[in-house]
Amino acid sequence: QSLSGDFTFTANNIGTAAMTFVVPTKSQITLNFIYFFVSPADLYFIE
């Protein structure tokens, strides 16, 4: 399915993100994450 969302930058190498998509056989859901930059090309996310 398609996916969209938005993000913020907090401080240091940390930010938040939200991703919205449709769970198969269920309904649309938005998941929230905190992310950490290793570099602009490499990030780690946790819900």
All heavy atoms as atom14 arrays in JSON, in Angstrom:
{
  "sequence": "QSLSGDFTFTANNIGTAAMTFVVPTKSQITLNFIYFFVSPADLYFIE",
  "atom14_mask": [
    [1, 1, 1, 1, 1, 1, 1, 1, 1, 0, 0, 0, 0, 0],
    [1, 1, 1, 1, 1, 1, 0, 0, 0, 0, 0, 0, 0, 0],
    [1, 1, 1, 1, 1, 1, 1, 1, 0, 0, 0, 0, 0, 0],
    [1, 1, 1, 1, 1, 1, 0, 0, 0, 0, 0, 0, 0, 0],
    [1, 1, 1, 1, 0, 0, 0, 0, 0, 0, 0, 0, 0, 0],
    [1, 1, 1, 1, 1, 1, 1, 1, 0, 0, 0, 0, 0, 0],
    [1, 1, 1, 1, 1, 1, 1, 1, 1, 1, 1, 0, 0, 0],
    [1, 1, 1, 1, 1, 1, 1, 0, 0, 0, 0, 0, 0, 0],
    [1, 1, 1, 1, 1, 1, 1, 1, 1, 1, 1, 0, 0, 0],
    [1, 1, 1, 1, 1, 1, 1, 0, 0, 0, 0, 0, 0, 0],
    [1, 1, 1, 1, 1, 0, 0, 0, 0, 0, 0, 0, 0, 0],
    [1, 1, 1, 1, 1, 1, 1, 1, 0, 0, 0, 0, 0, 0],
    [1, 1, 1, 1, 1, 1, 1, 1, 0, 0, 0, 0, 0, 0],
    [1, 1, 1, 1, 1, 1, 1, 1, 0, 0, 0, 0, 0, 0],
    [1, 1, 1, 1, 0, 0, 0, 0, 0, 0, 0, 0, 0, 0],
    [1, 1, 1, 1, 1, 1, 1, 0, 0, 0, 0, 0, 0, 0],
    [1, 1, 1, 1, 1, 0, 0, 0, 0, 0, 0, 0, 0, 0],
    [1, 1, 1, 1, 1, 0, 0, 0, 0, 0, 0, 0, 0, 0],
    [1, 1, 1, 1, 1, 1, 1, 1, 0, 0, 0, 0, 0, 0],
    [1, 1, 1, 1, 1, 1, 1, 0, 0, 0, 0, 0, 0, 0],
    [1, 1, 1, 1, 1, 1, 1, 1, 1, 1, 1, 0, 0, 0],
    [1, 1, 1, 1, 1, 1, 1, 0, 0, 0, 0, 0, 0, 0],
    [1, 1, 1, 1, 1, 1, 1, 0, 0, 0, 0, 0, 0, 0],
    [1, 1, 1, 1, 1, 1, 1, 0, 0, 0, 0, 0, 0, 0],
    [1, 1, 1, 1, 1, 1, 1, 0, 0, 0, 0, 0, 0, 0],
    [1, 1, 1, 1, 1, 1, 1, 1, 1, 0, 0, 0, 0, 0],
    [1, 1, 1, 1, 1, 1, 0, 0, 0, 0, 0, 0, 0, 0],
    [1, 1, 1, 1, 1, 1, 1, 1, 1, 0, 0, 0, 0, 0],
    [1, 1, 1, 1, 1, 1, 1, 1, 0, 0, 0, 0, 0, 0],
    [1, 1, 1, 1, 1, 1, 1, 0, 0, 0, 0, 0, 0, 0],
    [1, 1, 1, 1, 1, 1, 1, 1, 0, 0, 0, 0, 0, 0],
    [1, 1, 1, 1, 1, 1, 1, 1, 0, 0, 0, 0, 0, 0],
    [1, 1, 1, 1, 1, 1, 1, 1, 1, 1, 1, 0, 0, 0],
    [1, 1, 1, 1, 1, 1, 1, 1, 0, 0, 0, 0, 0, 0],
    [1, 1, 1, 1, 1, 1, 1, 1, 1, 1, 1, 1, 0, 0],
    [1, 1, 1, 1, 1, 1, 1, 1, 1, 1, 1, 0, 0, 0],
    [1, 1, 1, 1, 1, 1, 1, 1, 1, 1, 1, 0, 0, 0],
    [1, 1, 1, 1, 1, 1, 1, 0, 0, 0, 0, 0, 0, 0],
    [1, 1, 1, 1, 1, 1, 0, 0, 0, 0, 0, 0, 0, 0],
    [1, 1, 1, 1, 1, 1, 1, 0, 0, 0, 0, 0, 0, 0],
    [1, 1, 1, 1, 1, 0, 0, 0, 0, 0, 0, 0, 0, 0],
    [1, 1, 1, 1, 1, 1, 1, 1, 0, 0, 0, 0, 0, 0],
    [1, 1, 1, 1, 1, 1, 1, 1, 0, 0, 0, 0, 0, 0],
    [1, 1, 1, 1, 1, 1, 1, 1, 1, 1, 1, 1, 0, 0],
    [1, 1, 1, 1, 1, 1, 1, 1, 1, 1, 1, 0, 0, 0],
    [1, 1, 1, 1, 1, 1, 1, 1, 0, 0, 0, 0, 0, 0],
    [1, 1, 1, 1, 1, 1, 1, 1, 1, 0, 0, 0, 0, 0]
  ],
  "atom14_positions": [
    [[0.83, -1.19, 0.0], [0.0, 0.0, 0.0], [0.87, 1.25, 0.0], [2.09, 1.17, 0.13], [-0.93, 0.03, 1.21], [-0.25, -0.16, 2.55], [-0.07, -1.63, 2.9], [-0.97, -2.44, 2.73], [1.12, -1.99, 3.36], [0.0, 0.0, 0.0], [0.0, 0.0, 0.0], [0.0, 0.0, 0.0], [0.0, 0.0, 0.0], [0.0, 0.0, 0.0]],
    [[0.23, 2.41, -0.13], [0.95, 3.67, -0.07], [1.2, 4.04, 1.39], [0.55, 3.52, 2.31], [0.18, 4.77, -0.78], [-1.06, 4.99, -0.13], [0.0, 0.0, 0.0], [0.0, 0.0, 0.0], [0.0, 0.0, 0.0], [0.0, 0.0, 0.0], [0.0, 0.0, 0.0], [0.0, 0.0, 0.0], [0.0, 0.0, 0.0], [0.0, 0.0, 0.0]],
    [[2.15, 4.93, 1.6], [2.54, 5.36, 2.94], [2.9, 6.84, 2.87], [3.53, 7.3, 1.91], [3.71, 4.54, 3.44], [4.38, 4.92, 4.77], [4.85, 3.67, 5.51], [5.57, 5.85, 4.53], [0.0, 0.0, 0.0], [0.0, 0.0, 0.0], [0.0, 0.0, 0.0], [0.0, 0.0, 0.0], [0.0, 0.0, 0.0], [0.0, 0.0, 0.0]],
    [[2.52, 7.59, 3.89], [2.88, 9.01, 3.97], [3.08, 9.38, 5.43], [2.78, 8.59, 6.33], [1.8, 9.88, 3.33], [0.58, 9.73, 4.01], [0.0, 0.0, 0.0], [0.0, 0.0, 0.0], [0.0, 0.0, 0.0], [0.0, 0.0, 0.0], [0.0, 0.0, 0.0], [0.0, 0.0, 0.0], [0.0, 0.0, 0.0], [0.0, 0.0, 0.0]],
    [[3.56, 10.6, 5.66], [3.76, 11.01, 7.04], [4.46, 12.35, 7.14], [4.52, 13.14, 6.18], [0.0, 0.0, 0.0], [0.0, 0.0, 0.0], [0.0, 0.0, 0.0], [0.0, 0.0, 0.0], [0.0, 0.0, 0.0], [0.0, 0.0, 0.0], [0.0, 0.0, 0.0], [0.0, 0.0, 0.0], [0.0, 0.0, 0.0], [0.0, 0.0, 0.0]],
    [[5.01, 12.59, 8.3], [5.77, 13.81, 8.53], [6.8, 13.55, 9.61], [6.82, 12.48, 10.24], [4.86, 14.98, 8.92], [3.94, 14.66, 10.09], [4.42, 14.05, 11.07], [2.75, 15.01, 10.03], [0.0, 0.0, 0.0], [0.0, 0.0, 0.0], [0.0, 0.0, 0.0], [0.0, 0.0, 0.0], [0.0, 0.0, 0.0], [0.0, 0.0, 0.0]],
    [[7.68, 14.53, 9.84], [8.72, 14.37, 10.85], [9.08, 15.71, 11.45], [8.78, 16.77, 10.89], [9.96, 13.68, 10.26], [10.72, 14.51, 9.25], [11.79, 15.3, 9.64], [10.38, 14.49, 7.9], [12.5, 16.06, 8.72], [11.08, 15.24, 6.96], [12.14, 16.03, 7.38], [0.0, 0.0, 0.0], [0.0, 0.0, 0.0], [0.0, 0.0, 0.0]],
    [[9.72, 15.65, 12.6], [10.27, 16.83, 13.25], [11.72, 16.55, 13.61], [12.16, 15.4, 13.63], [9.52, 17.19, 14.54], [9.71, 16.14, 15.51], [8.03, 17.35, 14.27], [0.0, 0.0, 0.0], [0.0, 0.0, 0.0], [0.0, 0.0, 0.0], [0.0, 0.0, 0.0], [0.0, 0.0, 0.0], [0.0, 0.0, 0.0], [0.0, 0.0, 0.0]],
    [[12.45, 17.6, 13.87], [13.8, 17.47, 14.42], [13.79, 18.03, 15.82], [13.28, 19.13, 16.06], [14.82, 18.21, 13.55], [16.22, 18.18, 14.12], [16.98, 17.03, 14.03], [16.74, 19.28, 14.77], [18.27, 16.99, 14.56], [18.03, 19.25, 15.3], [18.78, 18.09, 15.2], [0.0, 0.0, 0.0], [0.0, 0.0, 0.0], [0.0, 0.0, 0.0]],
    [[14.36, 17.27, 16.77], [14.31, 17.68, 18.17], [15.58, 18.4, 18.57], [15.59, 19.6, 18.81], [14.07, 16.45, 19.08], [12.9, 15.76, 18.65], [13.89, 16.88, 20.53], [0.0, 0.0, 0.0], [0.0, 0.0, 0.0], [0.0, 0.0, 0.0], [0.0, 0.0, 0.0], [0.0, 0.0, 0.0], [0.0, 0.0, 0.0], [0.0, 0.0, 0.0]],
    [[16.68, 17.67, 18.66], [17.97, 18.24, 19.05], [19.04, 17.18, 18.84], [18.74, 15.98, 18.71], [17.96, 18.7, 20.51], [0.0, 0.0, 0.0], [0.0, 0.0, 0.0], [0.0, 0.0, 0.0], [0.0, 0.0, 0.0], [0.0, 0.0, 0.0], [0.0, 0.0, 0.0], [0.0, 0.0, 0.0], [0.0, 0.0, 0.0], [0.0, 0.0, 0.0]],
    [[20.3, 17.62, 18.83], [21.43, 16.71, 18.66], [21.24, 15.89, 17.38], [21.26, 16.44, 16.3], [21.6, 15.83, 19.89], [21.85, 16.64, 21.15], [22.6, 17.61, 21.12], [21.21, 16.29, 22.24], [0.0, 0.0, 0.0], [0.0, 0.0, 0.0], [0.0, 0.0, 0.0], [0.0, 0.0, 0.0], [0.0, 0.0, 0.0], [0.0, 0.0, 0.0]],
    [[21.04, 14.57, 17.5], [20.81, 13.75, 16.3], [19.46, 13.04, 16.38], [19.28, 11.97, 15.82], [21.93, 12.74, 16.12], [21.96, 11.69, 17.23], [21.57, 11.97, 18.37], [22.42, 10.5, 16.91], [0.0, 0.0, 0.0], [0.0, 0.0, 0.0], [0.0, 0.0, 0.0], [0.0, 0.0, 0.0], [0.0, 0.0, 0.0], [0.0, 0.0, 0.0]],
    [[18.49, 13.66, 17.06], [17.23, 12.99, 17.4], [16.05, 13.73, 16.79], [16.02, 14.97, 16.75], [17.05, 12.9, 18.93], [18.26, 12.19, 19.56], [15.77, 12.17, 19.29], [18.26, 12.24, 21.07], [0.0, 0.0, 0.0], [0.0, 0.0, 0.0], [0.0, 0.0, 0.0], [0.0, 0.0, 0.0], [0.0, 0.0, 0.0], [0.0, 0.0, 0.0]],
    [[15.04, 12.98, 16.36], [13.8, 13.56, 15.87], [12.64, 12.6, 16.04], [12.8, 11.49, 16.55], [0.0, 0.0, 0.0], [0.0, 0.0, 0.0], [0.0, 0.0, 0.0], [0.0, 0.0, 0.0], [0.0, 0.0, 0.0], [0.0, 0.0, 0.0], [0.0, 0.0, 0.0], [0.0, 0.0, 0.0], [0.0, 0.0, 0.0], [0.0, 0.0, 0.0]],
    [[11.46, 13.01, 15.61], [10.27, 12.17, 15.66], [9.68, 12.07, 14.27], [9.87, 12.96, 13.42], [9.21, 12.74, 16.62], [8.75, 14.0, 16.13], [9.79, 12.92, 18.02], [0.0, 0.0, 0.0], [0.0, 0.0, 0.0], [0.0, 0.0, 0.0], [0.0, 0.0, 0.0], [0.0, 0.0, 0.0], [0.0, 0.0, 0.0], [0.0, 0.0, 0.0]],
    [[8.95, 10.99, 14.02], [8.3, 10.79, 12.73], [6.99, 10.07, 12.94], [6.83, 9.29, 13.89], [9.21, 9.99, 11.79], [0.0, 0.0, 0.0], [0.0, 0.0, 0.0], [0.0, 0.0, 0.0], [0.0, 0.0, 0.0], [0.0, 0.0, 0.0], [0.0, 0.0, 0.0], [0.0, 0.0, 0.0], [0.0, 0.0, 0.0], [0.0, 0.0, 0.0]],
    [[6.05, 10.32, 12.03], [4.77, 9.61, 12.01], [4.56, 9.06, 10.62], [4.8, 9.75, 9.63], [3.63, 10.54, 12.41], [0.0, 0.0, 0.0], [0.0, 0.0, 0.0], [0.0, 0.0, 0.0], [0.0, 0.0, 0.0], [0.0, 0.0, 0.0], [0.0, 0.0, 0.0], [0.0, 0.0, 0.0], [0.0, 0.0, 0.0], [0.0, 0.0, 0.0]],
    [[4.12, 7.81, 10.51], [3.87, 7.16, 9.23], [2.46, 6.6, 9.22], [2.06, 5.88, 10.15], [4.89, 6.05, 8.98], [6.31, 6.52, 8.86], [7.43, 5.16, 8.42], [9.01, 6.03, 8.45], [0.0, 0.0, 0.0], [0.0, 0.0, 0.0], [0.0, 0.0, 0.0], [0.0, 0.0, 0.0], [0.0, 0.0, 0.0], [0.0, 0.0, 0.0]],
    [[1.73, 6.91, 8.16], [0.34, 6.48, 8.02], [0.21, 5.54, 6.83], [0.69, 5.84, 5.73], [-0.58, 7.69, 7.84], [-0.46, 8.55, 8.98], [-2.03, 7.25, 7.69], [0.0, 0.0, 0.0], [0.0, 0.0, 0.0], [0.0, 0.0, 0.0], [0.0, 0.0, 0.0], [0.0, 0.0, 0.0], [0.0, 0.0, 0.0], [0.0, 0.0, 0.0]],
    [[-0.44, 4.4, 7.04], [-0.7, 3.44, 5.98], [-1.89, 2.58, 6.39], [-2.41, 2.71, 7.49], [0.54, 2.56, 5.71], [0.98, 1.73, 6.89], [0.63, 0.39, 7.0], [1.74, 2.29, 7.92], [1.02, -0.38, 8.08], [2.15, 1.53, 9.0], [1.78, 0.19, 9.09], [0.0, 0.0, 0.0], [0.0, 0.0, 0.0], [0.0, 0.0, 0.0]],
    [[-2.31, 1.69, 5.5], [-3.44, 0.82, 5.78], [-2.93, -0.56, 6.13], [-2.19, -1.18, 5.35], [-4.39, 0.74, 4.57], [-5.51, -0.27, 4.84], [-4.98, 2.12, 4.27], [0.0, 0.0, 0.0], [0.0, 0.0, 0.0], [0.0, 0.0, 0.0], [0.0, 0.0, 0.0], [0.0, 0.0, 0.0], [0.0, 0.0, 0.0], [0.0, 0.0, 0.0]],
    [[-3.29, -1.06, 7.3], [-2.93, -2.42, 7.7], [-3.81, -3.39, 6.91], [-5.03, -3.25, 6.89], [-3.13, -2.62, 9.21], [-2.87, -4.07, 9.61], [-2.2, -1.69, 9.98], [0.0, 0.0, 0.0], [0.0, 0.0, 0.0], [0.0, 0.0, 0.0], [0.0, 0.0, 0.0], [0.0, 0.0, 0.0], [0.0, 0.0, 0.0], [0.0, 0.0, 0.0]],
    [[-3.22, -4.39, 6.24], [-4.02, -5.32, 5.45], [-5.16, -5.95, 6.25], [-4.95, -6.37, 7.4], [-2.99, -6.38, 5.02], [-1.69, -5.64, 5.02], [-1.78, -4.66, 6.15], [0.0, 0.0, 0.0], [0.0, 0.0, 0.0], [0.0, 0.0, 0.0], [0.0, 0.0, 0.0], [0.0, 0.0, 0.0], [0.0, 0.0, 0.0], [0.0, 0.0, 0.0]],
    [[-6.33, -5.99, 5.66], [-7.58, -6.54, 6.2], [-8.1, -5.73, 7.4], [-9.09, -6.11, 8.0], [-7.46, -8.01, 6.63], [-6.7, -8.1, 7.85], [-6.8, -8.86, 5.55], [0.0, 0.0, 0.0], [0.0, 0.0, 0.0], [0.0, 0.0, 0.0], [0.0, 0.0, 0.0], [0.0, 0.0, 0.0], [0.0, 0.0, 0.0], [0.0, 0.0, 0.0]],
    [[-7.45, -4.63, 7.72], [-7.89, -3.83, 8.86], [-8.21, -2.41, 8.4], [-9.02, -2.21, 7.51], [-6.85, -3.87, 9.98], [-6.65, -5.26, 10.58], [-5.66, -5.24, 11.73], [-5.47, -6.63, 12.31], [-4.5, -6.65, 13.42], [0.0, 0.0, 0.0], [0.0, 0.0, 0.0], [0.0, 0.0, 0.0], [0.0, 0.0, 0.0], [0.0, 0.0, 0.0]],
    [[-7.57, -1.42, 8.98], [-7.9, -0.04, 8.67], [-6.64, 0.8, 8.66], [-5.54, 0.32, 8.93], [-8.9, 0.5, 9.71], [-8.33, 0.42, 11.02], [0.0, 0.0, 0.0], [0.0, 0.0, 0.0], [0.0, 0.0, 0.0], [0.0, 0.0, 0.0], [0.0, 0.0, 0.0], [0.0, 0.0, 0.0], [0.0, 0.0, 0.0], [0.0, 0.0, 0.0]],
    [[-6.81, 2.06, 8.34], [-5.67, 2.98, 8.33], [-5.13, 3.17, 9.74], [-5.89, 3.22, 10.71], [-6.1, 4.32, 7.75], [-4.98, 5.35, 7.68], [-5.4, 6.6, 6.93], [-5.55, 6.59, 5.73], [-5.62, 7.67, 7.68], [0.0, 0.0, 0.0], [0.0, 0.0, 0.0], [0.0, 0.0, 0.0], [0.0, 0.0, 0.0], [0.0, 0.0, 0.0]],
    [[-3.81, 3.26, 9.83], [-3.17, 3.4, 11.12], [-2.0, 4.38, 10.99], [-1.39, 4.49, 9.92], [-2.67, 2.03, 11.65], [-2.22, 2.14, 13.11], [-1.55, 1.49, 10.78], [-1.91, 0.79, 13.72], [0.0, 0.0, 0.0], [0.0, 0.0, 0.0], [0.0, 0.0, 0.0], [0.0, 0.0, 0.0], [0.0, 0.0, 0.0], [0.0, 0.0, 0.0]],
    [[-1.73, 5.1, 12.03], [-0.55, 5.96, 12.1], [0.37, 5.46, 13.2], [-0.07, 5.31, 14.35], [-0.93, 7.43, 12.36], [-1.72, 7.91, 11.27], [0.31, 8.29, 12.49], [0.0, 0.0, 0.0], [0.0, 0.0, 0.0], [0.0, 0.0, 0.0], [0.0, 0.0, 0.0], [0.0, 0.0, 0.0], [0.0, 0.0, 0.0], [0.0, 0.0, 0.0]],
    [[1.6, 5.18, 12.85], [2.61, 4.75, 13.83], [3.58, 5.9, 14.08], [3.97, 6.61, 13.15], [3.37, 3.53, 13.32], [2.55, 2.28, 13.0], [3.47, 1.13, 12.6], [1.67, 1.89, 14.18], [0.0, 0.0, 0.0], [0.0, 0.0, 0.0], [0.0, 0.0, 0.0], [0.0, 0.0, 0.0], [0.0, 0.0, 0.0], [0.0, 0.0, 0.0]],
    [[3.96, 6.06, 15.33], [4.86, 7.14, 15.74], [6.2, 6.56, 16.14], [6.29, 5.52, 16.8], [4.24, 7.91, 16.91], [2.97, 8.63, 16.5], [3.02, 9.69, 15.88], [1.83, 8.06, 16.84], [0.0, 0.0, 0.0], [0.0, 0.0, 0.0], [0.0, 0.0, 0.0], [0.0, 0.0, 0.0], [0.0, 0.0, 0.0], [0.0, 0.0, 0.0]],
    [[7.26, 7.27, 15.75], [8.62, 6.8, 15.97], [9.49, 7.93, 16.51], [9.22, 9.12, 16.29], [9.25, 6.33, 14.65], [8.55, 5.16, 14.01], [7.47, 5.37, 13.16], [8.98, 3.86, 14.24], [6.81, 4.3, 12.56], [8.34, 2.79, 13.64], [7.26, 3.01, 12.8], [0.0, 0.0, 0.0], [0.0, 0.0, 0.0], [0.0, 0.0, 0.0]],
    [[10.55, 7.54, 17.19], [11.69, 8.41, 17.42], [12.82, 7.88, 16.55], [13.01, 6.67, 16.44], [12.1, 8.44, 18.9], [11.03, 9.19, 19.72], [13.47, 9.08, 19.1], [11.3, 9.2, 21.22], [0.0, 0.0, 0.0], [0.0, 0.0, 0.0], [0.0, 0.0, 0.0], [0.0, 0.0, 0.0], [0.0, 0.0, 0.0], [0.0, 0.0, 0.0]],
    [[13.56, 8.78, 15.9], [14.68, 8.36, 15.06], [15.97, 9.0, 15.55], [15.97, 10.05, 16.21], [14.43, 8.68, 13.59], [14.37, 10.15, 13.23], [15.53, 10.91, 13.03], [13.13, 10.79, 13.08], [15.46, 12.25, 12.7], [13.06, 12.13, 12.75], [14.23, 12.86, 12.56], [14.16, 14.2, 12.24], [0.0, 0.0, 0.0], [0.0, 0.0, 0.0]],
    [[17.07, 8.33, 15.2], [18.41, 8.8, 15.56], [19.28, 8.79, 14.3], [19.37, 7.76, 13.62], [19.04, 7.89, 16.62], [18.34, 7.9, 17.94], [17.18, 7.15, 18.14], [18.8, 8.67, 18.99], [16.51, 7.17, 19.35], [18.15, 8.7, 20.21], [17.0, 7.95, 20.4], [0.0, 0.0, 0.0], [0.0, 0.0, 0.0], [0.0, 0.0, 0.0]],
    [[19.91, 9.92, 14.01], [20.84, 9.98, 12.89], [22.15, 9.28, 13.24], [22.76, 9.57, 14.29], [21.2, 11.43, 12.55], [20.16, 12.19, 11.79], [19.42, 13.17, 12.41], [19.95, 11.94, 10.44], [18.49, 13.91, 11.71], [19.01, 12.67, 9.72], [18.27, 13.66, 10.36], [0.0, 0.0, 0.0], [0.0, 0.0, 0.0], [0.0, 0.0, 0.0]],
    [[22.62, 8.37, 12.39], [24.04, 8.02, 12.34], [24.73, 9.01, 11.42], [25.79, 9.54, 11.7], [24.24, 6.57, 11.84], [25.72, 6.25, 11.7], [23.57, 5.59, 12.78], [0.0, 0.0, 0.0], [0.0, 0.0, 0.0], [0.0, 0.0, 0.0], [0.0, 0.0, 0.0], [0.0, 0.0, 0.0], [0.0, 0.0, 0.0], [0.0, 0.0, 0.0]],
    [[24.06, 9.26, 10.29], [24.45, 10.26, 9.31], [23.2, 10.62, 8.53], [22.15, 9.97, 8.69], [25.52, 9.69, 8.37], [24.94, 8.75, 7.47], [0.0, 0.0, 0.0], [0.0, 0.0, 0.0], [0.0, 0.0, 0.0], [0.0, 0.0, 0.0], [0.0, 0.0, 0.0], [0.0, 0.0, 0.0], [0.0, 0.0, 0.0], [0.0, 0.0, 0.0]],
    [[23.25, 11.63, 7.66], [22.06, 11.91, 6.84], [21.66, 10.74, 5.93], [20.55, 10.73, 5.41], [22.49, 13.13, 6.01], [23.5, 13.82, 6.88], [24.26, 12.7, 7.52], [0.0, 0.0, 0.0], [0.0, 0.0, 0.0], [0.0, 0.0, 0.0], [0.0, 0.0, 0.0], [0.0, 0.0, 0.0], [0.0, 0.0, 0.0], [0.0, 0.0, 0.0]],
    [[22.53, 9.75, 5.78], [22.24, 8.6, 4.93], [21.87, 7.36, 5.73], [21.57, 6.32, 5.12], [23.45, 8.28, 4.03], [0.0, 0.0, 0.0], [0.0, 0.0, 0.0], [0.0, 0.0, 0.0], [0.0, 0.0, 0.0], [0.0, 0.0, 0.0], [0.0, 0.0, 0.0], [0.0, 0.0, 0.0], [0.0, 0.0, 0.0], [0.0, 0.0, 0.0]],
    [[21.87, 7.43, 7.06], [21.68, 6.24, 7.88], [20.98, 6.65, 9.18], [21.54, 7.42, 9.96], [23.04, 5.59, 8.16], [22.94, 4.24, 8.85], [21.81, 3.77, 9.09], [24.0, 3.64, 9.13], [0.0, 0.0, 0.0], [0.0, 0.0, 0.0], [0.0, 0.0, 0.0], [0.0, 0.0, 0.0], [0.0, 0.0, 0.0], [0.0, 0.0, 0.0]],
    [[19.76, 6.14, 9.4], [18.99, 6.49, 10.58], [18.42, 5.22, 11.21], [18.11, 4.25, 10.51], [17.82, 7.42, 10.25], [18.11, 8.78, 9.62], [18.2, 8.67, 8.1], [17.01, 9.78, 9.98], [0.0, 0.0, 0.0], [0.0, 0.0, 0.0], [0.0, 0.0, 0.0], [0.0, 0.0, 0.0], [0.0, 0.0, 0.0], [0.0, 0.0, 0.0]],
    [[18.27, 5.26, 12.54], [17.62, 4.17, 13.27], [16.31, 4.68, 13.86], [16.24, 5.79, 14.39], [18.52, 3.62, 14.37], [19.56, 2.67, 13.84], [20.82, 3.11, 13.46], [19.27, 1.32, 13.69], [21.76, 2.24, 12.96], [20.21, 0.44, 13.18], [21.46, 0.91, 12.83], [22.39, 0.04, 12.3], [0.0, 0.0, 0.0], [0.0, 0.0, 0.0]],
    [[15.26, 3.83, 13.77], [13.92, 4.18, 14.21], [13.45, 3.21, 15.29], [13.77, 2.02, 15.24], [12.93, 4.1, 13.04], [12.93, 5.29, 12.13], [14.05, 5.61, 11.37], [11.81, 6.09, 12.02], [14.04, 6.7, 10.52], [11.79, 7.19, 11.18], [12.91, 7.5, 10.41], [0.0, 0.0, 0.0], [0.0, 0.0, 0.0], [0.0, 0.0, 0.0]],
    [[12.66, 3.71, 16.23], [11.99, 2.86, 17.21], [10.58, 3.4, 17.42], [10.38, 4.61, 17.58], [12.77, 2.78, 18.54], [12.06, 1.84, 19.51], [12.97, 4.16, 19.16], [12.91, 1.47, 20.72], [0.0, 0.0, 0.0], [0.0, 0.0, 0.0], [0.0, 0.0, 0.0], [0.0, 0.0, 0.0], [0.0, 0.0, 0.0], [0.0, 0.0, 0.0]],
    [[9.59, 2.49, 17.39], [8.21, 2.9, 17.57], [7.94, 3.25, 19.03], [8.44, 2.6, 19.95], [7.26, 1.78, 17.14], [5.8, 2.21, 17.13], [4.84, 1.06, 16.89], [5.31, -0.04, 16.55], [3.63, 1.27, 17.06], [0.0, 0.0, 0.0], [0.0, 0.0, 0.0], [0.0, 0.0, 0.0], [0.0, 0.0, 0.0], [0.0, 0.0, 0.0]]
  ]
}
